[in-house]
Amino acid sequence: MKNVTIKLETINDVKNFVSAVTAFECDFDIVADRYVVDAKSIMGIFSLDLSKPLDLHINTDDEKEISAVLKAISAVLVSE
């Protein structure tokens, strides 16, 4: 499992993000405060406060898949 921080600032960011993660087999969760939503659910994401960075949990131990996911969502990653 890998945890990263993302920032979804526009509707297009959310749409492109959901499209990117839906292409992968593994599960993704977005954690915001005490809420956890499926990152493949556009409605779930819009129920969160998008003015703040969000924690993305990539639920796989496959390093190649994690690398591919990070590359696919690089536009919304927050550098730490």
PDB file of N, CA and C in Angstrom:
ATOM      1  N   MET A   1       0.847  -1.185   0.000  1.00  0.00           N
ATOM      2  CA  MET A   1       0.000   0.000   0.000  1.00  0.00           C
ATOM      3  C   MET A   1       0.884   1.237   0.000  1.00  0.00           C
ATOM      4  N   LYS A   2       0.451   2.234  -0.728  1.00  0.00           N
ATOM      5  CA  LYS A   2       1.189   3.503  -0.819  1.00  0.00           C
ATOM      6  C   LYS A   2       0.215   4.637  -0.569  1.00  0.00           C
ATOM      7  N   ASN A   3       0.645   5.620   0.203  1.00  0.00           N
ATOM      8  CA  ASN A   3      -0.171   6.804   0.474  1.00  0.00           C
ATOM      9  C   ASN A   3       0.506   8.026  -0.122  1.00  0.00           C
ATOM     10  N   VAL A   4      -0.276   8.834  -0.852  1.00  0.00           N
ATOM     11  CA  VAL A   4       0.228  10.077  -1.433  1.00  0.00           C
ATOM     12  C   VAL A   4      -0.807  11.173  -1.210  1.00  0.00           C
ATOM     13  N   THR A   5      -0.375  12.403  -1.366  1.00  0.00           N
ATOM     14  CA  THR A   5      -1.278  13.547  -1.224  1.00  0.00           C
ATOM     15  C   THR A   5      -1.592  14.092  -2.612  1.00  0.00           C
ATOM     16  N   ILE A   6      -2.883  14.355  -2.837  1.00  0.00           N
ATOM     17  CA  ILE A   6      -3.315  14.900  -4.117  1.00  0.00           C
ATOM     18  C   ILE A   6      -4.125  16.175  -3.884  1.00  0.00           C
ATOM     19  N   LYS A   7      -4.235  16.978  -4.926  1.00  0.00           N
ATOM     20  CA  LYS A   7      -5.036  18.208  -4.873  1.00  0.00           C
ATOM     21  C   LYS A   7      -5.869  18.250  -6.144  1.00  0.00           C
ATOM     22  N   LEU A   8      -7.186  18.211  -5.974  1.00  0.00           N
ATOM     23  CA  LEU A   8      -8.123  18.264  -7.098  1.00  0.00           C
ATOM     24  C   LEU A   8      -8.787  19.629  -7.071  1.00  0.00           C
ATOM     25  N   GLU A   9      -8.331  20.528  -7.946  1.00  0.00           N
ATOM     26  CA  GLU A   9      -8.765  21.922  -7.880  1.00  0.00           C
ATOM     27  C   GLU A   9      -9.918  22.255  -8.813  1.00  0.00           C
ATOM     28  N   THR A  10     -10.077  21.511  -9.899  1.00  0.00           N
ATOM     29  CA  THR A  10     -11.122  21.831 -10.867  1.00  0.00           C
ATOM     30  C   THR A  10     -11.963  20.588 -11.168  1.00  0.00           C
ATOM     31  N   ILE A  11     -13.079  20.818 -11.814  1.00  0.00           N
ATOM     32  CA  ILE A  11     -13.929  19.698 -12.234  1.00  0.00           C
ATOM     33  C   ILE A  11     -13.161  18.797 -13.196  1.00  0.00           C
ATOM     34  N   ASN A  12     -12.377  19.412 -14.077  1.00  0.00           N
ATOM     35  CA  ASN A  12     -11.574  18.611 -15.012  1.00  0.00           C
ATOM     36  C   ASN A  12     -10.528  17.791 -14.299  1.00  0.00           C
ATOM     37  N   ASP A  13      -9.937  18.326 -13.226  1.00  0.00           N
ATOM     38  CA  ASP A  13      -8.982  17.542 -12.425  1.00  0.00           C
ATOM     39  C   ASP A  13      -9.650  16.275 -11.897  1.00  0.00           C
ATOM     40  N   VAL A  14     -10.861  16.423 -11.367  1.00  0.00           N
ATOM     41  CA  VAL A  14     -11.587  15.276 -10.814  1.00  0.00           C
ATOM     42  C   VAL A  14     -11.910  14.279 -11.922  1.00  0.00           C
ATOM     43  N   LYS A  15     -12.422  14.775 -13.037  1.00  0.00           N
ATOM     44  CA  LYS A  15     -12.780  13.901 -14.161  1.00  0.00           C
ATOM     45  C   LYS A  15     -11.562  13.134 -14.677  1.00  0.00           C
ATOM     46  N   ASN A  16     -10.458  13.830 -14.883  1.00  0.00           N
ATOM     47  CA  ASN A  16      -9.243  13.183 -15.387  1.00  0.00           C
ATOM     48  C   ASN A  16      -8.669  12.209 -14.367  1.00  0.00           C
ATOM     49  N   PHE A  17      -8.735  12.564 -13.086  1.00  0.00           N
ATOM     50  CA  PHE A  17      -8.236  11.688 -12.032  1.00  0.00           C
ATOM     51  C   PHE A  17      -9.040  10.384 -11.987  1.00  0.00           C
ATOM     52  N   VAL A  18     -10.363  10.499 -11.992  1.00  0.00           N
ATOM     53  CA  VAL A  18     -11.215   9.297 -11.944  1.00  0.00           C
ATOM     54  C   VAL A  18     -10.971   8.428 -13.181  1.00  0.00           C
ATOM     55  N   SER A  19     -10.826   9.041 -14.340  1.00  0.00           N
ATOM     56  CA  SER A  19     -10.516   8.284 -15.558  1.00  0.00           C
ATOM     57  C   SER A  19      -9.196   7.530 -15.421  1.00  0.00           C
ATOM     58  N   ALA A  20      -8.204   8.190 -14.851  1.00  0.00           N
ATOM     59  CA  ALA A  20      -6.884   7.572 -14.700  1.00  0.00           C
ATOM     60  C   ALA A  20      -6.916   6.389 -13.745  1.00  0.00           C
ATOM     61  N   VAL A  21      -7.533   6.558 -12.572  1.00  0.00           N
ATOM     62  CA  VAL A  21      -7.504   5.460 -11.587  1.00  0.00           C
ATOM     63  C   VAL A  21      -8.437   4.318 -11.966  1.00  0.00           C
ATOM     64  N   THR A  22      -9.483   4.601 -12.728  1.00  0.00           N
ATOM     65  CA  THR A  22     -10.402   3.541 -13.151  1.00  0.00           C
ATOM     66  C   THR A  22      -9.711   2.542 -14.073  1.00  0.00           C
ATOM     67  N   ALA A  23      -8.660   2.964 -14.738  1.00  0.00           N
ATOM     68  CA  ALA A  23      -7.933   2.086 -15.656  1.00  0.00           C
ATOM     69  C   ALA A  23      -7.129   1.007 -14.925  1.00  0.00           C
ATOM     70  N   PHE A  24      -6.982   1.126 -13.621  1.00  0.00           N
ATOM     71  CA  PHE A  24      -6.183   0.169 -12.852  1.00  0.00           C
ATOM     72  C   PHE A  24      -7.072  -0.806 -12.092  1.00  0.00           C
ATOM     73  N   GLU A  25      -6.548  -2.015 -11.878  1.00  0.00           N
ATOM     74  CA  GLU A  25      -7.284  -3.073 -11.183  1.00  0.00           C
ATOM     75  C   GLU A  25      -7.367  -2.848  -9.672  1.00  0.00           C
ATOM     76  N   CYS A  26      -6.358  -2.241  -9.079  1.00  0.00           N
ATOM     77  CA  CYS A  26      -6.308  -2.135  -7.615  1.00  0.00           C
ATOM     78  C   CYS A  26      -7.348  -1.146  -7.097  1.00  0.00           C
ATOM     79  N   ASP A  27      -7.555  -1.207  -5.791  1.00  0.00           N
ATOM     80  CA  ASP A  27      -8.514  -0.310  -5.142  1.00  0.00           C
ATOM     81  C   ASP A  27      -7.810   0.960  -4.676  1.00  0.00           C
ATOM     82  N   PHE A  28      -8.559   2.054  -4.671  1.00  0.00           N
ATOM     83  CA  PHE A  28      -8.058   3.351  -4.231  1.00  0.00           C
ATOM     84  C   PHE A  28      -9.057   3.944  -3.255  1.00  0.00           C
ATOM     85  N   ASP A  29      -8.561   4.527  -2.181  1.00  0.00           N
ATOM     86  CA  ASP A  29      -9.411   5.242  -1.235  1.00  0.00           C
ATOM     87  C   ASP A  29      -8.890   6.661  -1.104  1.00  0.00           C
ATOM     88  N   ILE A  30      -9.819   7.611  -0.985  1.00  0.00           N
ATOM     89  CA  ILE A  30      -9.442   8.993  -0.674  1.00  0.00           C
ATOM     90  C   ILE A  30      -9.912   9.264   0.736  1.00  0.00           C
ATOM     91  N   VAL A  31      -8.975   9.763   1.548  1.00  0.00           N
ATOM     92  CA  VAL A  31      -9.271  10.060   2.943  1.00  0.00           C
ATOM     93  C   VAL A  31      -9.195  11.569   3.138  1.00  0.00           C
ATOM     94  N   ALA A  32     -10.279  12.119   3.682  1.00  0.00           N
ATOM     95  CA  ALA A  32     -10.344  13.550   3.978  1.00  0.00           C
ATOM     96  C   ALA A  32     -10.976  13.678   5.356  1.00  0.00           C
ATOM     97  N   ASP A  33     -10.193  14.123   6.309  1.00  0.00           N
ATOM     98  CA  ASP A  33     -10.646  14.207   7.701  1.00  0.00           C
ATOM     99  C   ASP A  33     -11.118  12.830   8.145  1.00  0.00           C
ATOM    100  N   ARG A  34     -12.380  12.696   8.479  1.00  0.00           N
ATOM    101  CA  ARG A  34     -12.882  11.401   8.943  1.00  0.00           C
ATOM    102  C   ARG A  34     -13.645  10.636   7.867  1.00  0.00           C
ATOM    103  N   TYR A  35     -13.644  11.135   6.649  1.00  0.00           N
ATOM    104  CA  TYR A  35     -14.364  10.516   5.554  1.00  0.00           C
ATOM    105  C   TYR A  35     -13.436   9.712   4.656  1.00  0.00           C
ATOM    106  N   VAL A  36     -13.925   8.563   4.204  1.00  0.00           N
ATOM    107  CA  VAL A  36     -13.191   7.724   3.264  1.00  0.00           C
ATOM    108  C   VAL A  36     -14.132   7.423   2.103  1.00  0.00           C
ATOM    109  N   VAL A  37     -13.699   7.734   0.880  1.00  0.00           N
ATOM    110  CA  VAL A  37     -14.523   7.448  -0.299  1.00  0.00           C
ATOM    111  C   VAL A  37     -13.698   6.670  -1.316  1.00  0.00           C
ATOM    112  N   ASP A  38     -14.389   5.942  -2.159  1.00  0.00           N
ATOM    113  CA  ASP A  38     -13.774   5.204  -3.256  1.00  0.00           C
ATOM    114  C   ASP A  38     -13.278   6.224  -4.283  1.00  0.00           C
ATOM    115  N   ALA A  39     -11.995   6.177  -4.600  1.00  0.00           N
ATOM    116  CA  ALA A  39     -11.416   7.161  -5.523  1.00  0.00           C
ATOM    117  C   ALA A  39     -11.904   6.968  -6.960  1.00  0.00           C
ATOM    118  N   LYS A  40     -12.576   5.862  -7.240  1.00  0.00           N
ATOM    119  CA  LYS A  40     -13.124   5.638  -8.572  1.00  0.00           C
ATOM    120  C   LYS A  40     -14.557   6.169  -8.684  1.00  0.00           C
ATOM    121  N   SER A  41     -15.048   6.792  -7.615  1.00  0.00           N
ATOM    122  CA  SER A  41     -16.409   7.320  -7.583  1.00  0.00           C
ATOM    123  C   SER A  41     -16.386   8.844  -7.697  1.00  0.00           C
ATOM    124  N   ILE A  42     -16.813   9.343  -8.840  1.00  0.00           N
ATOM    125  CA  ILE A  42     -16.809  10.793  -9.054  1.00  0.00           C
ATOM    126  C   ILE A  42     -17.765  11.479  -8.073  1.00  0.00           C
ATOM    127  N   MET A  43     -18.893  10.857  -7.787  1.00  0.00           N
ATOM    128  CA  MET A  43     -19.851  11.442  -6.834  1.00  0.00           C
ATOM    129  C   MET A  43     -19.266  11.442  -5.422  1.00  0.00           C
ATOM    130  N   GLY A  44     -18.560  10.380  -5.071  1.00  0.00           N
ATOM    131  CA  GLY A  44     -17.923  10.326  -3.757  1.00  0.00           C
ATOM    132  C   GLY A  44     -16.896  11.433  -3.590  1.00  0.00           C
ATOM    133  N   ILE A  45     -16.111  11.666  -4.625  1.00  0.00           N
ATOM    134  CA  ILE A  45     -15.091  12.714  -4.562  1.00  0.00           C
ATOM    135  C   ILE A  45     -15.736  14.092  -4.420  1.00  0.00           C
ATOM    136  N   PHE A  46     -16.834  14.329  -5.153  1.00  0.00           N
ATOM    137  CA  PHE A  46     -17.489  15.633  -5.065  1.00  0.00           C
ATOM    138  C   PHE A  46     -18.182  15.849  -3.719  1.00  0.00           C
ATOM    139  N   SER A  47     -18.309  14.805  -2.923  1.00  0.00           N
ATOM    140  CA  SER A  47     -18.897  14.974  -1.586  1.00  0.00           C
ATOM    141  C   SER A  47     -17.858  15.464  -0.567  1.00  0.00           C
ATOM    142  N   LEU A  48     -16.602  15.541  -0.988  1.00  0.00           N
ATOM    143  CA  LEU A  48     -15.515  15.956  -0.089  1.00  0.00           C
ATOM    144  C   LEU A  48     -15.218  17.449  -0.243  1.00  0.00           C
ATOM    145  N   ASP A  49     -14.499  17.993   0.720  1.00  0.00           N
ATOM    146  CA  ASP A  49     -14.033  19.379   0.653  1.00  0.00           C
ATOM    147  C   ASP A  49     -12.788  19.417  -0.226  1.00  0.00           C
ATOM    148  N   LEU A  50     -12.956  19.858  -1.462  1.00  0.00           N
ATOM    149  CA  LEU A  50     -11.855  19.853  -2.426  1.00  0.00           C
ATOM    150  C   LEU A  50     -10.952  21.073  -2.313  1.00  0.00           C
ATOM    151  N   SER A  51     -11.208  21.935  -1.339  1.00  0.00           N
ATOM    152  CA  SER A  51     -10.339  23.097  -1.164  1.00  0.00           C
ATOM    153  C   SER A  51      -9.054  22.720  -0.424  1.00  0.00           C
ATOM    154  N   LYS A  52      -9.009  21.514   0.122  1.00  0.00           N
ATOM    155  CA  LYS A  52      -7.837  21.045   0.868  1.00  0.00           C
ATOM    156  C   LYS A  52      -7.206  19.860   0.152  1.00  0.00           C
ATOM    157  N   PRO A  53      -5.919  19.626   0.379  1.00  0.00           N
ATOM    158  CA  PRO A  53      -5.293  18.412  -0.166  1.00  0.00           C
ATOM    159  C   PRO A  53      -5.955  17.168   0.432  1.00  0.00           C
ATOM    160  N   LEU A  54      -5.930  16.092  -0.343  1.00  0.00           N
ATOM    161  CA  LEU A  54      -6.554  14.830   0.047  1.00  0.00           C
ATOM    162  C   LEU A  54      -5.505  13.731   0.100  1.00  0.00           C
ATOM    163  N   ASP A  55      -5.717  12.755   0.959  1.00  0.00           N
ATOM    164  CA  ASP A  55      -4.814  11.601   1.031  1.00  0.00           C
ATOM    165  C   ASP A  55      -5.365  10.495   0.147  1.00  0.00           C
ATOM    166  N   LEU A  56      -4.538  10.009  -0.772  1.00  0.00           N
ATOM    167  CA  LEU A  56      -4.915   8.900  -1.644  1.00  0.00           C
ATOM    168  C   LEU A  56      -4.187   7.655  -1.173  1.00  0.00           C
ATOM    169  N   HIS A  57      -4.944   6.601  -0.912  1.00  0.00           N
ATOM    170  CA  HIS A  57      -4.369   5.324  -0.516  1.00  0.00           C
ATOM    171  C   HIS A  57      -4.465   4.386  -1.721  1.00  0.00           C
ATOM    172  N   ILE A  58      -3.316   3.956  -2.210  1.00  0.00           N
ATOM    173  CA  ILE A  58      -3.249   3.020  -3.334  1.00  0.00           C
ATOM    174  C   ILE A  58      -3.094   1.630  -2.717  1.00  0.00           C
ATOM    175  N   ASN A  59      -4.119   0.814  -2.835  1.00  0.00           N
ATOM    176  CA  ASN A  59      -4.161  -0.470  -2.134  1.00  0.00           C
ATOM    177  C   ASN A  59      -3.616  -1.615  -2.984  1.00  0.00           C
ATOM    178  N   THR A  60      -2.303  -1.624  -3.155  1.00  0.00           N
ATOM    179  CA  THR A  60      -1.612  -2.706  -3.838  1.00  0.00           C
ATOM    180  C   THR A  60      -0.173  -2.736  -3.346  1.00  0.00           C
ATOM    181  N   ASP A  61       0.436  -3.898  -3.435  1.00  0.00           N
ATOM    182  CA  ASP A  61       1.853  -4.015  -3.081  1.00  0.00           C
ATOM    183  C   ASP A  61       2.724  -4.171  -4.318  1.00  0.00           C
ATOM    184  N   ASP A  62       2.118  -4.129  -5.495  1.00  0.00           N
ATOM    185  CA  ASP A  62       2.831  -4.276  -6.757  1.00  0.00           C
ATOM    186  C   ASP A  62       3.518  -2.944  -7.108  1.00  0.00           C
ATOM    187  N   GLU A  63       4.833  -2.923  -6.967  1.00  0.00           N
ATOM    188  CA  GLU A  63       5.599  -1.685  -7.193  1.00  0.00           C
ATOM    189  C   GLU A  63       5.448  -1.147  -8.621  1.00  0.00           C
ATOM    190  N   LYS A  64       5.338  -2.037  -9.605  1.00  0.00           N
ATOM    191  CA  LYS A  64       5.161  -1.596 -10.994  1.00  0.00           C
ATOM    192  C   LYS A  64       3.824  -0.894 -11.166  1.00  0.00           C
ATOM    193  N   GLU A  65       2.789  -1.446 -10.542  1.00  0.00           N
ATOM    194  CA  GLU A  65       1.469  -0.823 -10.650  1.00  0.00           C
ATOM    195  C   GLU A  65       1.451   0.523  -9.932  1.00  0.00           C
ATOM    196  N   ILE A  66       2.080   0.597  -8.765  1.00  0.00           N
ATOM    197  CA  ILE A  66       2.163   1.868  -8.026  1.00  0.00           C
ATOM    198  C   ILE A  66       2.866   2.918  -8.873  1.00  0.00           C
ATOM    199  N   SER A  67       3.954   2.536  -9.508  1.00  0.00           N
ATOM    200  CA  SER A  67       4.701   3.455 -10.379  1.00  0.00           C
ATOM    201  C   SER A  67       3.825   3.949 -11.532  1.00  0.00           C
ATOM    202  N   ALA A  68       3.080   3.036 -12.142  1.00  0.00           N
ATOM    203  CA  ALA A  68       2.207   3.404 -13.253  1.00  0.00           C
ATOM    204  C   ALA A  68       1.091   4.342 -12.782  1.00  0.00           C
ATOM    205  N   VAL A  69       0.537   4.081 -11.599  1.00  0.00           N
ATOM    206  CA  VAL A  69      -0.508   4.940 -11.048  1.00  0.00           C
ATOM    207  C   VAL A  69       0.049   6.337 -10.807  1.00  0.00           C
ATOM    208  N   LEU A  70       1.211   6.421 -10.168  1.00  0.00           N
ATOM    209  CA  LEU A  70       1.803   7.726  -9.863  1.00  0.00           C
ATOM    210  C   LEU A  70       2.079   8.521 -11.138  1.00  0.00           C
ATOM    211  N   LYS A  71       2.496   7.832 -12.181  1.00  0.00           N
ATOM    212  CA  LYS A  71       2.743   8.508 -13.454  1.00  0.00           C
ATOM    213  C   LYS A  71       1.422   9.013 -14.041  1.00  0.00           C
ATOM    214  N   ALA A  72       0.366   8.191 -13.951  1.00  0.00           N
ATOM    215  CA  ALA A  72      -0.929   8.545 -14.534  1.00  0.00           C
ATOM    216  C   ALA A  72      -1.582   9.730 -13.819  1.00  0.00           C
ATOM    217  N   ILE A  73      -1.312   9.879 -12.514  1.00  0.00           N
ATOM    218  CA  ILE A  73      -1.958  10.956 -11.753  1.00  0.00           C
ATOM    219  C   ILE A  73      -0.988  12.070 -11.391  1.00  0.00           C
ATOM    220  N   SER A  74       0.132  12.132 -12.054  1.00  0.00           N
ATOM    221  CA  SER A  74       1.181  13.094 -11.706  1.00  0.00           C
ATOM    222  C   SER A  74       0.696  14.549 -11.710  1.00  0.00           C
ATOM    223  N   ALA A  75      -0.298  14.866 -12.514  1.00  0.00           N
ATOM    224  CA  ALA A  75      -0.786  16.248 -12.604  1.00  0.00           C
ATOM    225  C   ALA A  75      -1.437  16.729 -11.317  1.00  0.00           C
ATOM    226  N   VAL A  76      -1.941  15.812 -10.484  1.00  0.00           N
ATOM    227  CA  VAL A  76      -2.634  16.213  -9.269  1.00  0.00           C
ATOM    228  C   VAL A  76      -1.855  15.894  -7.999  1.00  0.00           C
ATOM    229  N   LEU A  77      -0.670  15.320  -8.147  1.00  0.00           N
ATOM    230  CA  LEU A  77       0.151  15.006  -6.965  1.00  0.00           C
ATOM    231  C   LEU A  77       0.677  16.278  -6.326  1.00  0.00           C
ATOM    232  N   VAL A  78       0.686  16.283  -5.013  1.00  0.00           N
ATOM    233  CA  VAL A  78       1.248  17.396  -4.254  1.00  0.00           C
ATOM    234  C   VAL A  78       2.671  16.996  -3.887  1.00  0.00           C
ATOM    235  N   SER A  79       3.648  17.818  -4.263  1.00  0.00           N
ATOM    236  CA  SER A  79       5.035  17.491  -3.901  1.00  0.00           C
ATOM    237  C   SER A  79       5.228  17.702  -2.406  1.00  0.00           C
ATOM    238  N   GLU A  80       5.904  16.744  -1.816  1.00  0.00           N
ATOM    239  CA  GLU A  80       6.063  16.785  -0.353  1.00  0.00           C
ATOM    240  C   GLU A  80       7.493  17.050   0.035  1.00  0.00           C
TER     241      GLU A  80
END
